Protein backbone atom coordinates (compact mmCIF):
# COMPACT_ATOMS: atom_id res chain seq x y z
CA MET A 1 31.78 70.29 36.07
CA ASN A 2 30.74 73.82 36.20
CA MET A 3 27.65 73.77 33.25
CA ASN A 4 27.64 77.17 32.33
CA LYS A 5 29.17 77.93 28.39
CA LYS A 6 29.71 73.61 28.49
CA VAL A 7 29.03 71.87 25.34
CA ILE A 8 26.80 69.07 25.00
CA LEU A 9 25.49 67.03 22.62
CA ILE A 10 21.97 64.84 23.62
CA THR A 11 21.28 61.88 21.31
CA GLY A 12 16.94 61.40 21.00
CA GLY A 13 16.57 65.06 22.25
CA SER A 14 13.02 65.97 20.51
CA SER A 15 11.47 64.13 23.62
CA GLY A 16 11.14 62.21 26.53
CA ILE A 17 13.94 62.51 29.09
CA GLY A 18 16.18 63.70 25.48
CA LYS A 19 14.73 66.76 25.92
CA SER A 20 14.81 66.81 29.55
CA ILE A 21 17.86 66.82 30.33
CA ALA A 22 18.32 69.48 27.44
CA ALA A 23 15.46 71.59 29.47
CA LYS A 24 17.34 71.65 32.69
CA ALA A 25 21.64 71.87 30.80
CA LYS A 26 19.96 74.98 29.22
CA GLU A 27 18.84 76.84 32.39
CA LYS A 28 22.83 76.33 33.90
CA GLY A 29 23.59 78.60 31.08
CA THR A 30 25.11 75.59 28.67
CA GLU A 31 25.08 75.44 25.24
CA VAL A 32 23.24 72.32 24.48
CA ILE A 33 22.98 70.63 20.99
CA ILE A 34 20.30 67.66 19.93
CA THR A 35 19.66 65.28 18.05
CA GLY A 36 17.19 63.22 16.21
CA ARG A 37 15.75 61.28 12.91
CA ASN A 38 12.32 62.78 14.07
CA LYS A 39 13.30 66.05 11.74
CA GLU A 40 9.84 67.78 12.51
CA LYS A 41 9.41 67.10 15.96
CA LEU A 42 13.18 67.65 16.58
CA GLU A 43 13.38 71.13 14.73
CA LYS A 44 9.85 72.51 17.04
CA THR A 45 12.06 71.12 19.65
CA ALA A 46 14.26 72.98 19.13
CA GLU A 47 12.41 76.17 18.33
CA GLU A 48 11.16 75.64 21.10
CA LEU A 49 14.39 75.88 24.49
CA GLY A 50 16.19 78.46 21.46
CA ILE A 51 19.13 75.52 21.35
CA LYS A 52 20.58 74.01 17.51
CA SER A 53 19.31 70.34 16.54
CA TYR A 54 21.43 68.15 13.95
CA ASN A 55 18.60 65.67 12.02
CA PHE A 56 20.42 62.51 11.43
CA ASP A 57 20.68 58.00 12.55
CA VAL A 58 22.60 57.07 14.46
CA SER A 59 22.92 53.66 13.90
CA LYS A 60 23.60 54.82 10.17
CA GLU A 61 27.70 55.30 10.61
CA ASP A 62 27.41 57.38 7.36
CA GLU A 63 25.80 59.76 9.11
CA VAL A 64 26.79 59.67 12.63
CA LEU A 65 30.06 60.82 10.35
CA LYS A 66 28.82 63.82 8.69
CA PHE A 67 27.74 64.95 11.37
CA PHE A 68 30.73 65.05 13.99
CA GLU A 69 32.24 66.76 11.15
CA GLU A 70 29.95 69.39 10.79
CA PHE A 71 29.76 69.68 14.57
CA LYS A 72 33.69 69.78 14.50
CA SER A 73 33.63 72.74 12.30
CA ASP A 74 30.79 74.74 13.79
CA TYR A 75 31.92 74.14 17.09
CA LYS A 76 35.98 73.61 19.03
CA THR A 77 35.14 71.68 21.94
CA LEU A 78 32.53 69.51 23.90
CA ASP A 79 31.98 68.47 27.03
CA ALA A 80 29.87 66.17 27.56
CA LEU A 81 27.88 63.58 25.16
CA ILE A 82 24.29 62.29 26.50
CA ASN A 83 23.59 58.65 24.84
CA ASN A 84 20.27 58.75 25.52
CA ALA A 85 19.03 57.45 22.39
CA GLY A 86 17.15 54.42 22.10
CA TYR A 87 13.51 52.49 22.54
CA GLY A 88 11.88 49.47 23.36
CA TYR A 89 9.98 45.83 21.69
CA PHE A 90 8.78 43.88 23.43
CA ASP A 91 8.11 40.57 23.09
CA LEU A 92 7.50 36.10 23.42
CA LEU A 93 11.07 34.52 22.67
CA GLU A 94 8.77 32.15 20.17
CA ASN A 95 7.33 34.83 18.51
CA ILE A 96 10.73 37.83 18.04
CA ASP A 97 11.40 39.37 14.79
CA SER A 98 14.74 38.95 13.63
CA ASN A 99 14.49 41.71 11.96
CA LYS A 100 12.84 44.24 15.15
CA PHE A 101 15.32 42.34 17.77
CA LEU A 102 18.34 43.48 14.67
CA ASP A 103 16.60 47.53 14.49
CA VAL A 104 16.24 47.96 18.71
CA HIS A 105 20.21 46.20 18.53
CA SER A 106 21.38 49.11 15.76
CA THR A 107 20.04 52.11 17.60
CA ASN A 108 20.95 51.13 21.30
CA VAL A 109 24.17 49.12 21.22
CA PHE A 110 25.30 50.00 17.25
CA GLY A 111 23.92 53.94 17.81
CA ALA A 112 25.33 54.54 21.52
CA MET A 113 28.50 53.64 20.91
CA LEU A 114 29.74 54.92 16.85
CA MET A 115 28.63 58.68 19.20
CA ALA A 116 31.00 57.58 21.60
CA ARG A 117 33.57 56.27 19.69
CA GLU A 118 33.84 60.01 17.52
CA SER A 119 33.25 62.10 21.25
CA ALA A 120 36.00 59.41 22.68
CA LYS A 121 38.03 61.26 20.58
CA ILE A 122 37.69 64.57 21.11
CA PHE A 123 37.49 63.77 24.95
CA ILE A 124 41.17 62.07 24.03
CA ASN A 125 42.25 64.92 22.81
CA GLN A 126 41.71 67.62 24.71
CA MET A 127 42.22 65.65 28.05
CA SER A 128 38.90 66.15 29.64
CA GLY A 129 35.23 65.12 28.97
CA ASN A 130 32.13 62.70 30.15
CA ILE A 131 29.93 60.20 28.66
CA ILE A 132 26.21 60.15 30.29
CA ASN A 133 24.67 56.81 28.24
CA ILE A 134 21.21 56.56 29.42
CA SER A 135 20.66 51.96 30.30
CA SER A 136 17.30 51.13 32.50
CA THR A 137 16.47 49.12 34.78
CA ALA A 138 15.58 46.49 31.68
CA GLY A 139 19.99 46.84 31.79
CA LYS A 140 19.77 44.97 35.61
CA LYS A 141 17.50 42.30 35.91
CA GLY A 142 15.39 40.13 33.00
CA PHE A 143 12.25 39.66 32.21
CA ALA A 144 8.99 38.33 30.77
CA TYR A 145 8.69 39.80 26.93
CA GLY A 146 12.48 41.92 27.52
CA THR A 147 14.48 39.81 25.21
CA ALA A 148 15.31 42.20 22.69
CA TYR A 149 15.43 45.44 25.16
CA ALA A 150 16.99 44.04 27.77
CA ALA A 151 20.30 42.94 25.92
CA THR A 152 20.71 46.53 24.89
CA LYS A 153 20.73 47.10 28.40
CA PHE A 154 22.87 44.77 29.65
CA ALA A 155 24.89 45.61 26.76
CA LEU A 156 25.08 48.99 26.87
CA LYS A 157 26.24 48.50 30.49
CA GLY A 158 28.98 45.59 29.87
CA MET A 159 30.10 49.04 26.97
CA THR A 160 29.75 51.55 29.13
CA GLU A 161 31.79 49.80 31.85
CA CYS A 162 34.59 49.23 28.88
CA TRP A 163 34.87 52.66 28.19
CA GLN A 164 35.24 53.71 31.53
CA ALA A 165 38.00 51.03 31.83
CA GLU A 166 40.22 52.96 28.77
CA LEU A 167 38.47 56.71 29.50
CA ARG A 168 40.06 57.65 32.67
CA LYS A 169 43.22 58.26 32.09
CA TYR A 170 42.19 61.23 29.51
CA ASN A 171 40.74 61.97 32.59
CA VAL A 172 37.28 61.36 30.57
CA ARG A 173 34.20 60.74 32.82
CA VAL A 174 31.84 57.04 31.35
CA MET A 175 28.76 56.98 33.09
CA LEU A 176 25.77 54.70 33.11
CA VAL A 177 22.51 55.57 34.67
CA ASN A 178 19.43 53.52 35.13
CA PRO A 179 15.16 54.55 35.14
CA SER A 180 13.26 52.63 35.79
CA GLU A 181 9.51 53.00 34.69
CA VAL A 182 9.29 56.87 32.99
CA GLN A 183 6.33 58.37 31.62
CA THR A 184 6.96 59.88 28.07
CA GLU A 185 6.27 58.10 25.22
CA PHE A 186 8.20 55.15 25.42
CA SER A 187 4.84 53.16 25.53
CA VAL A 188 3.85 54.06 22.71
CA ASN A 189 6.91 54.25 21.02
CA ALA A 190 7.17 49.96 21.81
CA GLY A 191 3.89 49.96 20.25
CA ASN A 192 2.57 48.84 23.87
CA GLY A 193 -0.30 52.15 23.72
CA GLU A 194 -0.41 55.00 26.36
CA ARG A 195 -0.81 55.15 29.96
CA GLU A 196 -3.03 56.83 31.68
CA PHE A 197 -1.10 59.51 33.94
CA ASN A 198 0.58 58.65 37.52
CA PRO A 199 1.39 60.96 39.59
CA THR A 200 3.65 58.67 42.09
CA LYS A 201 5.51 57.27 39.64
CA LEU A 202 8.73 58.88 37.74
CA LEU A 203 8.94 61.31 34.81
CA SER A 204 11.31 62.09 32.33
CA GLU A 205 12.70 65.98 34.53
CA ASP A 206 13.65 63.09 38.09
CA ILE A 207 15.82 61.85 35.23
CA ALA A 208 17.15 64.89 33.88
CA HIS A 209 17.68 65.61 37.40
CA ALA A 210 19.67 63.02 37.92
CA VAL A 211 21.90 63.15 34.92
CA ILE A 212 23.25 67.11 36.15
CA SER A 213 23.17 66.55 38.59
CA ALA A 214 25.50 63.89 37.90
CA LEU A 215 27.53 65.91 34.96
CA GLU A 216 28.21 68.80 38.77
CA MET A 217 30.07 66.92 40.34
CA GLU A 218 33.92 68.09 40.36
CA ASP A 219 35.70 66.47 37.87
CA ARG A 220 37.70 65.02 40.22
CA GLY A 221 35.11 62.34 40.99
CA PHE A 222 32.50 60.40 39.03
CA ILE A 223 29.64 58.65 39.35
CA THR A 224 29.92 55.04 37.54
CA GLU A 225 26.51 54.33 37.80
CA LEU A 226 22.88 55.77 38.92
CA THR A 227 20.38 54.46 39.12
CA VAL A 228 16.67 55.73 39.54
CA PHE A 229 13.37 54.38 40.99
CA ALA A 230 9.73 56.07 42.16
CA THR A 231 9.79 56.31 46.00
CA ASN A 232 6.26 54.45 46.49
CA PRO A 233 4.67 53.74 42.77
CA LYS A 234 0.42 52.96 43.06
CA GLU A 235 -1.52 51.72 40.68
CA LYS A 236 -4.76 53.53 39.82
CA LYS A 237 -7.10 51.76 40.41
């Protein structure tokens, strides 16, 4: 897909991977729209990048439906949805808080489905489109403390494969991107504190490069799943 003048919607676009994808897409001449639930941070990013933003929570169906009503009145088309909104919650099985467990699923799984469902209606009608789900290597292999988060990413992989089967006949490409550890605000947002910067580990720009590269492949083909690891990560001493 030629990115110039295409319309791309990125959830969780105010920081981290979402912001980096937005910046790189904008460089390609793309009309970029970001969403997020932190209004102040969202508006600051939108102003910095010179793009449009919408403030709402992807886990709230009424807010998602209201957004798409506004979006369709503002734009005549949509070329790609980047399902990036998500966060982590980590604890041992015996300590899991049921409310926190459900909350992380509401955003990472239910929210991704809602955004994809409404985008798919546009894509099916125009017989073209792209969905990229930002998952994680946590969706490929479970690990201690990962019950809640890994479950959401395994679910996202399953949904991706279902959407691929359903939407290919409408020329819609559905792709899954699995970053390994990326140095963003993810750790802080998950309640694990800030980590010292490590130049050997991945940056959000690396994932943005992978996403844009996948979108730029000619529409006759698509990358079903793409996993990104740091080449030779070293722990700082």
